[in-house]
Amino acid sequence: MARAPEIKDTPEVDALPGLPLPRERSHLVGHRETEHQLLDAYRSKRLHHAWILGGPKGIGKATLAFRFARFAIANPDRFGTAVAAAQDLSLPEEHPVFRQVASGANPNILHLRRPWDEKGKRFKTELPVDEIRKTVSFFGTTASGSAWRVCIVDAADDMNISSANALLKILEEPPAQCLFLVLSHAPGRLL
């Protein structure tokens, strides 16, 4: 994933003790209807470049977002036989894209979330505009292997006004072959 180098023992904001991170999960609990809507949209002639995945915190929005991102990156041809035959957005755990995403090493995914404050030894309270501005360099480079570029904003509720405006700016004129998966615990409150 495109991100700044992290200190080895830096915690992750969405980590829960004893459970795998959303990017590491192969199993999706619930969300079957939404998963099929995303798959149908991916197969369609007109795919929206940005999606809001909304709902209460902890229901698996990030797991679904990473599942969709892995599928799109592994299957860049939306009209190919693999996509046509797919029953869901799953990839086998041994698939190279699955392993890259699980380890946080896929260059075609940008995961934006509240950063760790090394001085304060805690997570920042907001998703700052500097994090959102990472999209400029991320989308300014070419995707590896003709794959999709996917930006997961986790969660949009954590953005301040400057962050929200910066995200809106890039959403207005999206680059080619990109997907934005914007997670929100309260989508009605978004800018």
N, C-alpha and C. Protein backbone atom coordinates (compact mmCIF):
# COMPACT_ATOMS: atom_id res chain seq x y z
N MET A 1 0.82 -1.16 0.00
CA MET A 1 0.00 0.00 0.00
C MET A 1 0.87 1.23 0.00
N ALA A 2 0.42 2.22 -0.64
CA ALA A 2 1.16 3.47 -0.66
C ALA A 2 0.98 4.16 0.69
N ARG A 3 2.03 4.23 1.43
CA ARG A 3 1.99 4.91 2.72
C ARG A 3 3.41 5.20 3.17
N ALA A 4 3.50 6.10 4.10
CA ALA A 4 4.82 6.46 4.63
C ALA A 4 5.37 5.29 5.43
N PRO A 5 6.67 5.15 5.47
CA PRO A 5 7.27 4.09 6.27
C PRO A 5 6.84 4.25 7.74
N GLU A 6 6.49 3.16 8.34
CA GLU A 6 6.04 3.21 9.73
C GLU A 6 7.07 2.57 10.64
N ILE A 7 7.08 3.03 11.86
CA ILE A 7 7.92 2.41 12.88
C ILE A 7 7.34 1.03 13.16
N LYS A 8 8.18 0.05 13.31
CA LYS A 8 7.77 -1.34 13.40
C LYS A 8 6.63 -1.59 14.38
N ASP A 9 6.67 -1.04 15.56
CA ASP A 9 5.66 -1.33 16.55
C ASP A 9 4.58 -0.26 16.67
N THR A 10 4.40 0.53 15.63
CA THR A 10 3.35 1.54 15.63
C THR A 10 2.00 0.83 15.56
N PRO A 11 1.09 1.15 16.46
CA PRO A 11 -0.23 0.49 16.43
C PRO A 11 -1.06 0.98 15.23
N GLU A 12 -2.08 0.23 14.90
CA GLU A 12 -3.00 0.60 13.82
C GLU A 12 -4.31 1.02 14.45
N VAL A 13 -4.90 2.09 13.92
CA VAL A 13 -6.09 2.68 14.51
C VAL A 13 -7.27 1.72 14.54
N ASP A 14 -7.38 0.83 13.57
CA ASP A 14 -8.53 -0.07 13.53
C ASP A 14 -8.23 -1.47 14.07
N ALA A 15 -7.14 -1.62 14.80
CA ALA A 15 -6.78 -2.92 15.36
C ALA A 15 -7.63 -3.23 16.59
N LEU A 16 -8.09 -4.47 16.66
CA LEU A 16 -8.81 -4.96 17.82
C LEU A 16 -8.03 -6.15 18.37
N PRO A 17 -7.80 -6.19 19.68
CA PRO A 17 -7.00 -7.27 20.26
C PRO A 17 -7.52 -8.66 19.87
N GLY A 18 -6.61 -9.47 19.38
CA GLY A 18 -6.93 -10.85 19.05
C GLY A 18 -7.62 -11.06 17.71
N LEU A 19 -7.87 -9.99 16.96
CA LEU A 19 -8.55 -10.12 15.67
C LEU A 19 -7.67 -9.61 14.54
N PRO A 20 -7.79 -10.22 13.35
CA PRO A 20 -7.01 -9.71 12.22
C PRO A 20 -7.51 -8.33 11.80
N LEU A 21 -6.62 -7.55 11.20
CA LEU A 21 -7.00 -6.25 10.67
C LEU A 21 -7.96 -6.43 9.49
N PRO A 22 -8.77 -5.43 9.18
CA PRO A 22 -9.68 -5.56 8.03
C PRO A 22 -8.98 -5.95 6.73
N ARG A 23 -7.78 -5.45 6.50
CA ARG A 23 -7.07 -5.78 5.25
C ARG A 23 -6.59 -7.24 5.23
N GLU A 24 -6.55 -7.90 6.40
CA GLU A 24 -6.09 -9.28 6.51
C GLU A 24 -7.22 -10.30 6.44
N ARG A 25 -8.45 -9.84 6.52
CA ARG A 25 -9.59 -10.76 6.62
C ARG A 25 -10.01 -11.30 5.26
N SER A 26 -10.20 -12.60 5.19
CA SER A 26 -10.70 -13.22 3.96
C SER A 26 -12.20 -13.46 4.04
N HIS A 27 -12.71 -13.56 5.25
CA HIS A 27 -14.12 -13.88 5.45
C HIS A 27 -14.91 -12.60 5.70
N LEU A 28 -16.02 -12.45 5.02
CA LEU A 28 -16.90 -11.29 5.19
C LEU A 28 -18.16 -11.75 5.90
N VAL A 29 -18.48 -11.12 7.00
CA VAL A 29 -19.70 -11.45 7.74
C VAL A 29 -20.75 -10.41 7.39
N GLY A 30 -21.88 -10.89 6.89
CA GLY A 30 -22.94 -9.97 6.47
C GLY A 30 -22.56 -9.25 5.20
N HIS A 31 -23.26 -8.21 4.86
CA HIS A 31 -22.95 -7.35 3.70
C HIS A 31 -23.07 -8.06 2.37
N ARG A 32 -23.73 -9.21 2.31
CA ARG A 32 -23.83 -9.94 1.03
C ARG A 32 -24.54 -9.10 -0.03
N GLU A 33 -25.63 -8.43 0.35
CA GLU A 33 -26.36 -7.62 -0.62
C GLU A 33 -25.49 -6.49 -1.14
N THR A 34 -24.79 -5.82 -0.25
CA THR A 34 -23.90 -4.73 -0.67
C THR A 34 -22.76 -5.27 -1.52
N GLU A 35 -22.21 -6.41 -1.15
CA GLU A 35 -21.14 -7.02 -1.93
C GLU A 35 -21.61 -7.31 -3.35
N HIS A 36 -22.82 -7.84 -3.49
CA HIS A 36 -23.33 -8.15 -4.83
C HIS A 36 -23.63 -6.87 -5.62
N GLN A 37 -24.06 -5.81 -4.93
CA GLN A 37 -24.27 -4.53 -5.61
C GLN A 37 -22.94 -3.99 -6.14
N LEU A 38 -21.89 -4.09 -5.34
CA LEU A 38 -20.56 -3.63 -5.79
C LEU A 38 -20.07 -4.47 -6.97
N LEU A 39 -20.27 -5.78 -6.90
CA LEU A 39 -19.85 -6.66 -8.00
C LEU A 39 -20.63 -6.34 -9.27
N ASP A 40 -21.93 -6.16 -9.15
CA ASP A 40 -22.74 -5.80 -10.33
C ASP A 40 -22.30 -4.46 -10.91
N ALA A 41 -22.02 -3.51 -10.04
CA ALA A 41 -21.56 -2.19 -10.50
C ALA A 41 -20.21 -2.31 -11.20
N TYR A 42 -19.33 -3.15 -10.67
CA TYR A 42 -18.01 -3.34 -11.28
C TYR A 42 -18.14 -3.92 -12.69
N ARG A 43 -19.13 -4.78 -12.88
CA ARG A 43 -19.35 -5.40 -14.19
C ARG A 43 -20.07 -4.46 -15.17
N SER A 44 -20.68 -3.41 -14.68
CA SER A 44 -21.51 -2.56 -15.53
C SER A 44 -20.66 -1.64 -16.41
N LYS A 45 -21.30 -1.06 -17.40
CA LYS A 45 -20.60 -0.15 -18.31
C LYS A 45 -20.27 1.17 -17.65
N ARG A 46 -21.03 1.56 -16.63
CA ARG A 46 -20.80 2.83 -15.94
C ARG A 46 -20.54 2.56 -14.46
N LEU A 47 -19.28 2.55 -14.11
CA LEU A 47 -18.88 2.33 -12.72
C LEU A 47 -18.59 3.67 -12.06
N HIS A 48 -19.26 3.93 -10.95
CA HIS A 48 -18.98 5.16 -10.20
C HIS A 48 -17.57 5.09 -9.63
N HIS A 49 -16.89 6.21 -9.58
CA HIS A 49 -15.51 6.22 -9.09
C HIS A 49 -15.44 6.34 -7.57
N ALA A 50 -16.54 6.72 -6.93
CA ALA A 50 -16.52 6.88 -5.47
C ALA A 50 -17.75 6.23 -4.85
N TRP A 51 -17.50 5.56 -3.73
CA TRP A 51 -18.57 4.86 -3.01
C TRP A 51 -18.48 5.22 -1.54
N ILE A 52 -19.63 5.45 -0.92
CA ILE A 52 -19.69 5.63 0.53
C ILE A 52 -20.20 4.32 1.11
N LEU A 53 -19.41 3.74 2.00
CA LEU A 53 -19.83 2.55 2.73
C LEU A 53 -20.19 3.03 4.13
N GLY A 54 -21.47 3.10 4.41
CA GLY A 54 -21.92 3.68 5.66
C GLY A 54 -22.56 2.68 6.59
N GLY A 55 -22.52 3.01 7.86
CA GLY A 55 -23.14 2.20 8.89
C GLY A 55 -22.40 2.34 10.20
N PRO A 56 -22.96 1.78 11.26
CA PRO A 56 -22.33 1.91 12.57
C PRO A 56 -20.90 1.38 12.60
N LYS A 57 -20.12 1.93 13.50
CA LYS A 57 -18.72 1.52 13.66
C LYS A 57 -18.66 0.04 14.04
N GLY A 58 -17.74 -0.68 13.40
CA GLY A 58 -17.49 -2.07 13.76
C GLY A 58 -18.30 -3.11 13.01
N ILE A 59 -19.06 -2.72 11.98
CA ILE A 59 -19.88 -3.70 11.27
C ILE A 59 -19.18 -4.36 10.09
N GLY A 60 -17.95 -3.95 9.80
CA GLY A 60 -17.19 -4.59 8.73
C GLY A 60 -17.08 -3.78 7.45
N LYS A 61 -17.27 -2.48 7.54
CA LYS A 61 -17.16 -1.63 6.34
C LYS A 61 -15.74 -1.68 5.78
N ALA A 62 -14.75 -1.63 6.63
CA ALA A 62 -13.35 -1.67 6.16
C ALA A 62 -13.03 -3.03 5.55
N THR A 63 -13.53 -4.09 6.13
CA THR A 63 -13.32 -5.43 5.58
C THR A 63 -13.91 -5.51 4.17
N LEU A 64 -15.11 -4.97 3.99
CA LEU A 64 -15.74 -4.96 2.67
C LEU A 64 -14.95 -4.09 1.70
N ALA A 65 -14.48 -2.95 2.16
CA ALA A 65 -13.70 -2.05 1.30
C ALA A 65 -12.43 -2.75 0.81
N PHE A 66 -11.71 -3.40 1.69
CA PHE A 66 -10.49 -4.10 1.28
C PHE A 66 -10.81 -5.28 0.37
N ARG A 67 -11.92 -5.93 0.60
CA ARG A 67 -12.35 -7.04 -0.26
C ARG A 67 -12.59 -6.55 -1.68
N PHE A 68 -13.31 -5.42 -1.81
CA PHE A 68 -13.58 -4.85 -3.13
C PHE A 68 -12.28 -4.37 -3.78
N ALA A 69 -11.42 -3.73 -3.00
CA ALA A 69 -10.15 -3.24 -3.54
C ALA A 69 -9.29 -4.40 -4.07
N ARG A 70 -9.18 -5.46 -3.29
CA ARG A 70 -8.39 -6.63 -3.74
C ARG A 70 -8.95 -7.19 -5.04
N PHE A 71 -10.28 -7.32 -5.11
CA PHE A 71 -10.92 -7.88 -6.30
C PHE A 71 -10.63 -7.03 -7.52
N ALA A 72 -10.80 -5.72 -7.39
CA ALA A 72 -10.59 -4.81 -8.52
C ALA A 72 -9.13 -4.84 -8.99
N ILE A 73 -8.21 -4.87 -8.06
CA ILE A 73 -6.79 -4.89 -8.42
C ILE A 73 -6.41 -6.22 -9.07
N ALA A 74 -6.95 -7.31 -8.57
CA ALA A 74 -6.64 -8.63 -9.13
C ALA A 74 -7.34 -8.86 -10.47
N ASN A 75 -8.43 -8.14 -10.71
CA ASN A 75 -9.22 -8.31 -11.93
C ASN A 75 -9.43 -6.96 -12.61
N PRO A 76 -8.38 -6.39 -13.19
CA PRO A 76 -8.52 -5.05 -13.77
C PRO A 76 -9.45 -4.97 -14.98
N ASP A 77 -9.66 -6.10 -15.68
CA ASP A 77 -10.56 -6.13 -16.82
C ASP A 77 -11.97 -6.41 -16.32
N ARG A 78 -12.77 -5.35 -16.18
CA ARG A 78 -14.13 -5.47 -15.63
C ARG A 78 -15.04 -6.33 -16.49
N PHE A 79 -14.69 -6.52 -17.76
CA PHE A 79 -15.55 -7.27 -18.67
C PHE A 79 -14.94 -8.62 -19.05
N GLY A 80 -13.92 -9.04 -18.32
CA GLY A 80 -13.26 -10.32 -18.59
C GLY A 80 -14.04 -11.50 -18.04
N THR A 81 -13.59 -12.68 -18.40
CA THR A 81 -14.30 -13.90 -17.99
C THR A 81 -14.24 -14.14 -16.48
N ALA A 82 -13.13 -13.77 -15.84
CA ALA A 82 -13.02 -13.98 -14.38
C ALA A 82 -14.05 -13.15 -13.62
N VAL A 83 -14.24 -11.92 -14.04
CA VAL A 83 -15.22 -11.05 -13.39
C VAL A 83 -16.64 -11.54 -13.70
N ALA A 84 -16.87 -11.94 -14.93
CA ALA A 84 -18.20 -12.44 -15.31
C ALA A 84 -18.57 -13.69 -14.52
N ALA A 85 -17.60 -14.54 -14.22
CA ALA A 85 -17.86 -15.79 -13.51
C ALA A 85 -17.88 -15.63 -11.99
N ALA A 86 -17.43 -14.50 -11.49
CA ALA A 86 -17.33 -14.32 -10.03
C ALA A 86 -18.70 -14.34 -9.36
N GLN A 87 -18.77 -15.04 -8.24
CA GLN A 87 -20.00 -15.10 -7.45
C GLN A 87 -20.00 -14.05 -6.34
N ASP A 88 -18.79 -13.59 -5.99
CA ASP A 88 -18.63 -12.57 -4.95
C ASP A 88 -17.28 -11.88 -5.18
N LEU A 89 -16.87 -11.06 -4.24
CA LEU A 89 -15.63 -10.29 -4.38
C LEU A 89 -14.42 -10.96 -3.71
N SER A 90 -14.55 -12.21 -3.36
CA SER A 90 -13.48 -12.88 -2.62
C SER A 90 -12.29 -13.24 -3.52
N LEU A 91 -11.14 -13.29 -2.88
CA LEU A 91 -9.92 -13.82 -3.49
C LEU A 91 -9.37 -14.86 -2.53
N PRO A 92 -8.76 -15.92 -3.04
CA PRO A 92 -8.14 -16.89 -2.14
C PRO A 92 -6.98 -16.25 -1.36
N GLU A 93 -6.78 -16.69 -0.13
CA GLU A 93 -5.72 -16.12 0.71
C GLU A 93 -4.33 -16.30 0.10
N GLU A 94 -4.17 -17.29 -0.75
CA GLU A 94 -2.85 -17.52 -1.36
C GLU A 94 -2.63 -16.67 -2.62
N HIS A 95 -3.64 -15.94 -3.05
CA HIS A 95 -3.50 -15.06 -4.22
C HIS A 95 -2.48 -13.97 -3.90
N PRO A 96 -1.57 -13.65 -4.84
CA PRO A 96 -0.54 -12.64 -4.57
C PRO A 96 -1.11 -11.28 -4.15
N VAL A 97 -2.22 -10.85 -4.76
CA VAL A 97 -2.82 -9.57 -4.39
C VAL A 97 -3.35 -9.63 -2.97
N PHE A 98 -3.98 -10.74 -2.60
CA PHE A 98 -4.47 -10.88 -1.22
C PHE A 98 -3.31 -10.75 -0.24
N ARG A 99 -2.22 -11.45 -0.51
CA ARG A 99 -1.07 -11.43 0.41
C ARG A 99 -0.45 -10.03 0.49
N GLN A 100 -0.33 -9.35 -0.66
CA GLN A 100 0.22 -7.99 -0.65
C GLN A 100 -0.65 -7.04 0.16
N VAL A 101 -1.94 -7.10 -0.05
CA VAL A 101 -2.85 -6.21 0.67
C VAL A 101 -2.83 -6.53 2.16
N ALA A 102 -2.86 -7.80 2.51
CA ALA A 102 -2.85 -8.20 3.91
C ALA A 102 -1.61 -7.70 4.64
N SER A 103 -0.49 -7.68 3.93
CA SER A 103 0.75 -7.22 4.56
C SER A 103 0.91 -5.70 4.50
N GLY A 104 -0.02 -5.03 3.81
CA GLY A 104 0.07 -3.58 3.68
C GLY A 104 1.07 -3.14 2.64
N ALA A 105 1.38 -4.03 1.67
CA ALA A 105 2.45 -3.74 0.72
C ALA A 105 1.96 -3.57 -0.72
N ASN A 106 0.66 -3.46 -0.95
CA ASN A 106 0.20 -3.30 -2.33
C ASN A 106 0.31 -1.84 -2.74
N PRO A 107 1.04 -1.55 -3.81
CA PRO A 107 1.26 -0.16 -4.20
C PRO A 107 0.03 0.52 -4.81
N ASN A 108 -1.03 -0.23 -5.08
CA ASN A 108 -2.22 0.34 -5.72
C ASN A 108 -3.33 0.68 -4.74
N ILE A 109 -3.04 0.57 -3.44
CA ILE A 109 -4.03 0.94 -2.41
C ILE A 109 -3.43 2.00 -1.52
N LEU A 110 -4.21 3.04 -1.31
CA LEU A 110 -3.86 4.10 -0.36
C LEU A 110 -4.91 4.06 0.73
N HIS A 111 -4.50 3.72 1.94
CA HIS A 111 -5.41 3.63 3.08
C HIS A 111 -5.21 4.86 3.96
N LEU A 112 -6.17 5.76 3.92
CA LEU A 112 -6.08 6.99 4.71
C LEU A 112 -6.86 6.82 6.00
N ARG A 113 -6.18 7.06 7.11
CA ARG A 113 -6.80 6.93 8.43
C ARG A 113 -6.08 7.85 9.41
N ARG A 114 -6.64 7.99 10.58
CA ARG A 114 -6.00 8.86 11.58
C ARG A 114 -4.60 8.34 11.87
N PRO A 115 -3.60 9.20 11.75
CA PRO A 115 -2.22 8.75 11.97
C PRO A 115 -1.85 8.68 13.46
N TRP A 116 -0.81 7.95 13.72
CA TRP A 116 -0.24 7.81 15.07
C TRP A 116 0.62 9.02 15.36
N ASP A 117 0.41 9.60 16.52
CA ASP A 117 1.21 10.74 16.97
C ASP A 117 2.33 10.19 17.85
N GLU A 118 3.53 10.14 17.29
CA GLU A 118 4.66 9.55 18.01
C GLU A 118 4.98 10.31 19.29
N LYS A 119 4.86 11.64 19.25
CA LYS A 119 5.16 12.43 20.45
C LYS A 119 4.15 12.16 21.56
N GLY A 120 2.87 12.18 21.20
CA GLY A 120 1.82 11.99 22.20
C GLY A 120 1.53 10.55 22.51
N LYS A 121 2.11 9.63 21.74
CA LYS A 121 1.90 8.18 21.92
C LYS A 121 0.41 7.82 21.87
N ARG A 122 -0.28 8.42 20.90
CA ARG A 122 -1.70 8.11 20.71
C ARG A 122 -2.06 8.48 19.28
N PHE A 123 -3.26 8.08 18.86
CA PHE A 123 -3.72 8.44 17.53
C PHE A 123 -4.23 9.86 17.53
N LYS A 124 -4.00 10.55 16.43
CA LYS A 124 -4.53 11.90 16.31
C LYS A 124 -6.06 11.83 16.35
N THR A 125 -6.68 12.91 16.78
CA THR A 125 -8.13 12.91 16.92
C THR A 125 -8.85 13.14 15.60
N GLU A 126 -8.12 13.61 14.58
CA GLU A 126 -8.72 13.88 13.29
C GLU A 126 -7.88 13.27 12.17
N LEU A 127 -8.51 13.11 11.03
CA LEU A 127 -7.81 12.72 9.82
C LEU A 127 -7.38 14.03 9.17
N PRO A 128 -6.10 14.42 9.31
CA PRO A 128 -5.65 15.74 8.88
C PRO A 128 -5.55 15.88 7.36
N VAL A 129 -5.55 17.13 6.92
CA VAL A 129 -5.49 17.43 5.49
C VAL A 129 -4.22 16.88 4.86
N ASP A 130 -3.13 16.79 5.60
CA ASP A 130 -1.88 16.23 5.06
C ASP A 130 -2.07 14.78 4.62
N GLU A 131 -2.88 14.04 5.34
CA GLU A 131 -3.15 12.65 4.96
C GLU A 131 -3.93 12.63 3.64
N ILE A 132 -4.94 13.47 3.51
CA ILE A 132 -5.76 13.52 2.30
C ILE A 132 -4.92 13.95 1.11
N ARG A 133 -3.98 14.84 1.33
CA ARG A 133 -3.13 15.32 0.23
C ARG A 133 -2.20 14.24 -0.31
N LYS A 134 -2.07 13.14 0.38
CA LYS A 134 -1.28 12.02 -0.14
C LYS A 134 -1.88 11.48 -1.43
N THR A 135 -3.17 11.78 -1.65
CA THR A 135 -3.82 11.32 -2.88
C THR A 135 -3.18 11.94 -4.11
N VAL A 136 -2.63 13.15 -3.99
CA VAL A 136 -2.04 13.84 -5.14
C VAL A 136 -0.88 13.02 -5.69
N SER A 137 0.06 12.62 -4.85
CA SER A 137 1.19 11.83 -5.34
C SER A 137 0.77 10.40 -5.68
N PHE A 138 -0.17 9.86 -4.92
CA PHE A 138 -0.65 8.50 -5.17
C PHE A 138 -1.27 8.38 -6.56
N PHE A 139 -2.16 9.29 -6.90
CA PHE A 139 -2.82 9.24 -8.20
C PHE A 139 -1.96 9.85 -9.31
N GLY A 140 -0.88 10.50 -8.94
CA GLY A 140 0.03 11.08 -9.92
C GLY A 140 0.99 10.07 -10.52
N THR A 141 1.03 8.87 -9.95
CA THR A 141 1.89 7.82 -10.47
C THR A 141 1.04 6.78 -11.19
N THR A 142 1.66 5.99 -12.02
CA THR A 142 0.96 4.97 -12.79
C THR A 142 0.76 3.72 -11.93
N ALA A 143 -0.42 3.14 -12.05
CA ALA A 143 -0.70 1.90 -11.33
C ALA A 143 0.16 0.77 -11.88
N SER A 144 0.60 -0.10 -11.00
CA SER A 144 1.41 -1.23 -11.47
C SER A 144 0.51 -2.28 -12.11
N GLY A 145 0.97 -2.84 -13.20
CA GLY A 145 0.26 -3.93 -13.86
C GLY A 145 -1.11 -3.55 -14.40
N SER A 146 -1.31 -2.35 -14.87
CA SER A 146 -2.59 -1.84 -15.40
C SER A 146 -3.74 -2.03 -14.43
N ALA A 147 -3.43 -2.08 -13.18
CA ALA A 147 -4.46 -2.29 -12.15
C ALA A 147 -5.17 -0.99 -11.81
N TRP A 148 -6.20 -1.12 -11.04
CA TRP A 148 -6.92 0.03 -10.51
C TRP A 148 -6.12 0.64 -9.38
N ARG A 149 -6.32 1.94 -9.14
CA ARG A 149 -5.79 2.62 -7.96
C ARG A 149 -6.98 2.79 -7.03
N VAL A 150 -6.83 2.38 -5.79
CA VAL A 150 -7.93 2.43 -4.84
C VAL A 150 -7.51 3.21 -3.60
N CYS A 151 -8.33 4.19 -3.25
CA CYS A 151 -8.11 4.98 -2.03
C CYS A 151 -9.23 4.66 -1.06
N ILE A 152 -8.86 4.18 0.12
CA ILE A 152 -9.84 3.87 1.17
C ILE A 152 -9.70 4.94 2.24
N VAL A 153 -10.77 5.69 2.45
CA VAL A 153 -10.79 6.74 3.48
C VAL A 153 -11.51 6.14 4.69
N ASP A 154 -10.78 5.98 5.78
CA ASP A 154 -11.27 5.23 6.93
C ASP A 154 -11.08 6.02 8.22
N ALA A 155 -11.96 6.74 8.66
CA ALA A 155 -13.31 7.02 8.21
C ALA A 155 -13.46 8.51 7.93
N ALA A 156 -14.38 8.80 7.02
CA ALA A 156 -14.61 10.19 6.64
C ALA A 156 -15.10 11.03 7.82
N ASP A 157 -15.69 10.40 8.79
CA ASP A 157 -16.19 11.11 9.98
C ASP A 157 -15.04 11.76 10.76
N ASP A 158 -13.83 11.27 10.57
CA ASP A 158 -12.67 11.79 11.28
C ASP A 158 -12.04 13.00 10.60
N MET A 159 -12.53 13.36 9.42
CA MET A 159 -11.96 14.49 8.69
C MET A 159 -12.41 15.82 9.30
N ASN A 160 -11.51 16.81 9.26
CA ASN A 160 -11.91 18.17 9.61
C ASN A 160 -12.36 18.86 8.32
N ILE A 161 -12.75 20.13 8.40
CA ILE A 161 -13.26 20.85 7.23
C ILE A 161 -12.22 20.90 6.11
N SER A 162 -10.97 21.18 6.46
CA SER A 162 -9.91 21.25 5.44
C SER A 162 -9.71 19.91 4.76
N SER A 163 -9.73 18.84 5.53
CA SER A 163 -9.58 17.49 4.97
C SER A 163 -10.73 17.16 4.04
N ALA A 164 -11.94 17.46 4.48
CA ALA A 164 -13.13 17.17 3.67
C ALA A 164 -13.08 17.94 2.35
N ASN A 165 -12.69 19.21 2.41
CA ASN A 165 -12.60 20.00 1.18
C ASN A 165 -11.52 19.47 0.25
N ALA A 166 -10.40 19.03 0.79
CA ALA A 166 -9.32 18.47 -0.03
C ALA A 166 -9.79 17.18 -0.72
N LEU A 167 -10.55 16.36 0.00
CA LEU A 167 -11.07 15.13 -0.59
C LEU A 167 -12.10 15.45 -1.68
N LEU A 168 -12.97 16.40 -1.39
CA LEU A 168 -13.98 16.78 -2.39
C LEU A 168 -13.32 17.27 -3.68
N LYS A 169 -12.22 17.98 -3.54
CA LYS A 169 -11.52 18.52 -4.71
C LYS A 169 -11.05 17.40 -5.63
N ILE A 170 -10.46 16.35 -5.07
CA ILE A 170 -9.98 15.26 -5.93
C ILE A 170 -11.15 14.40 -6.42
N LEU A 171 -12.23 14.33 -5.65
CA LEU A 171 -13.39 13.56 -6.09
C LEU A 171 -14.09 14.23 -7.28
N GLU A 172 -13.99 15.55 -7.37
CA GLU A 172 -14.63 16.28 -8.46
C GLU A 172 -13.99 15.98 -9.81
N GLU A 173 -12.70 15.77 -9.82
CA GLU A 173 -11.98 15.46 -11.07
C GLU A 173 -11.11 14.23 -10.84
N PRO A 174 -11.75 13.06 -10.82
CA PRO A 174 -11.00 11.85 -10.50
C PRO A 174 -10.07 11.42 -11.63
N PRO A 175 -8.95 10.84 -11.26
CA PRO A 175 -8.05 10.27 -12.28
C PRO A 175 -8.72 9.05 -12.93
N ALA A 176 -8.17 8.62 -14.04
CA ALA A 176 -8.69 7.43 -14.73
C ALA A 176 -8.41 6.18 -13.89
N GLN A 177 -9.28 5.23 -14.03
CA GLN A 177 -9.17 3.91 -13.39
C GLN A 177 -8.84 4.00 -11.90
N CYS A 178 -9.65 4.80 -11.20
CA CYS A 178 -9.47 4.91 -9.74
C CYS A 178 -10.80 4.64 -9.05
N LEU A 179 -10.70 4.18 -7.82
CA LEU A 179 -11.87 3.97 -6.97
C LEU A 179 -11.60 4.62 -5.63
N PHE A 180 -12.60 5.31 -5.12
CA PHE A 180 -12.57 5.84 -3.77
C PHE A 180 -13.61 5.08 -2.97
N LEU A 181 -13.20 4.49 -1.87
CA LEU A 181 -14.10 3.81 -0.97
C LEU A 181 -14.06 4.59 0.34
N VAL A 182 -15.11 5.35 0.57
CA VAL A 182 -15.17 6.26 1.71
C VAL A 182 -16.05 5.63 2.78
N LEU A 183 -15.44 5.32 3.92
CA LEU A 183 -16.17 4.72 5.03
C LEU A 183 -16.71 5.82 5.93
N SER A 184 -17.95 5.63 6.39
CA SER A 184 -18.55 6.62 7.27
C SER A 184 -19.47 5.92 8.27
N HIS A 185 -19.35 6.34 9.53
CA HIS A 185 -20.22 5.81 10.58
C HIS A 185 -21.55 6.56 10.61
N ALA A 186 -21.57 7.76 10.05
CA ALA A 186 -22.79 8.58 9.99
C ALA A 186 -22.79 9.35 8.67
N PRO A 187 -23.13 8.69 7.55
CA PRO A 187 -23.02 9.33 6.24
C PRO A 187 -23.85 10.61 6.09
N GLY A 188 -24.92 10.74 6.82
CA GLY A 188 -25.76 11.92 6.72
C GLY A 188 -25.09 13.18 7.22
N ARG A 189 -24.02 13.03 7.98
CA ARG A 189 -23.31 14.20 8.53
C ARG A 189 -22.12 14.63 7.68
N LEU A 190 -21.84 13.92 6.58
CA LEU A 190 -20.69 14.27 5.76
C LEU A 190 -20.92 15.55 4.97
N LEU A 191 -19.82 16.26 4.71
CA LEU A 191 -19.87 17.49 3.93
C LEU A 191 -20.32 17.19 2.51
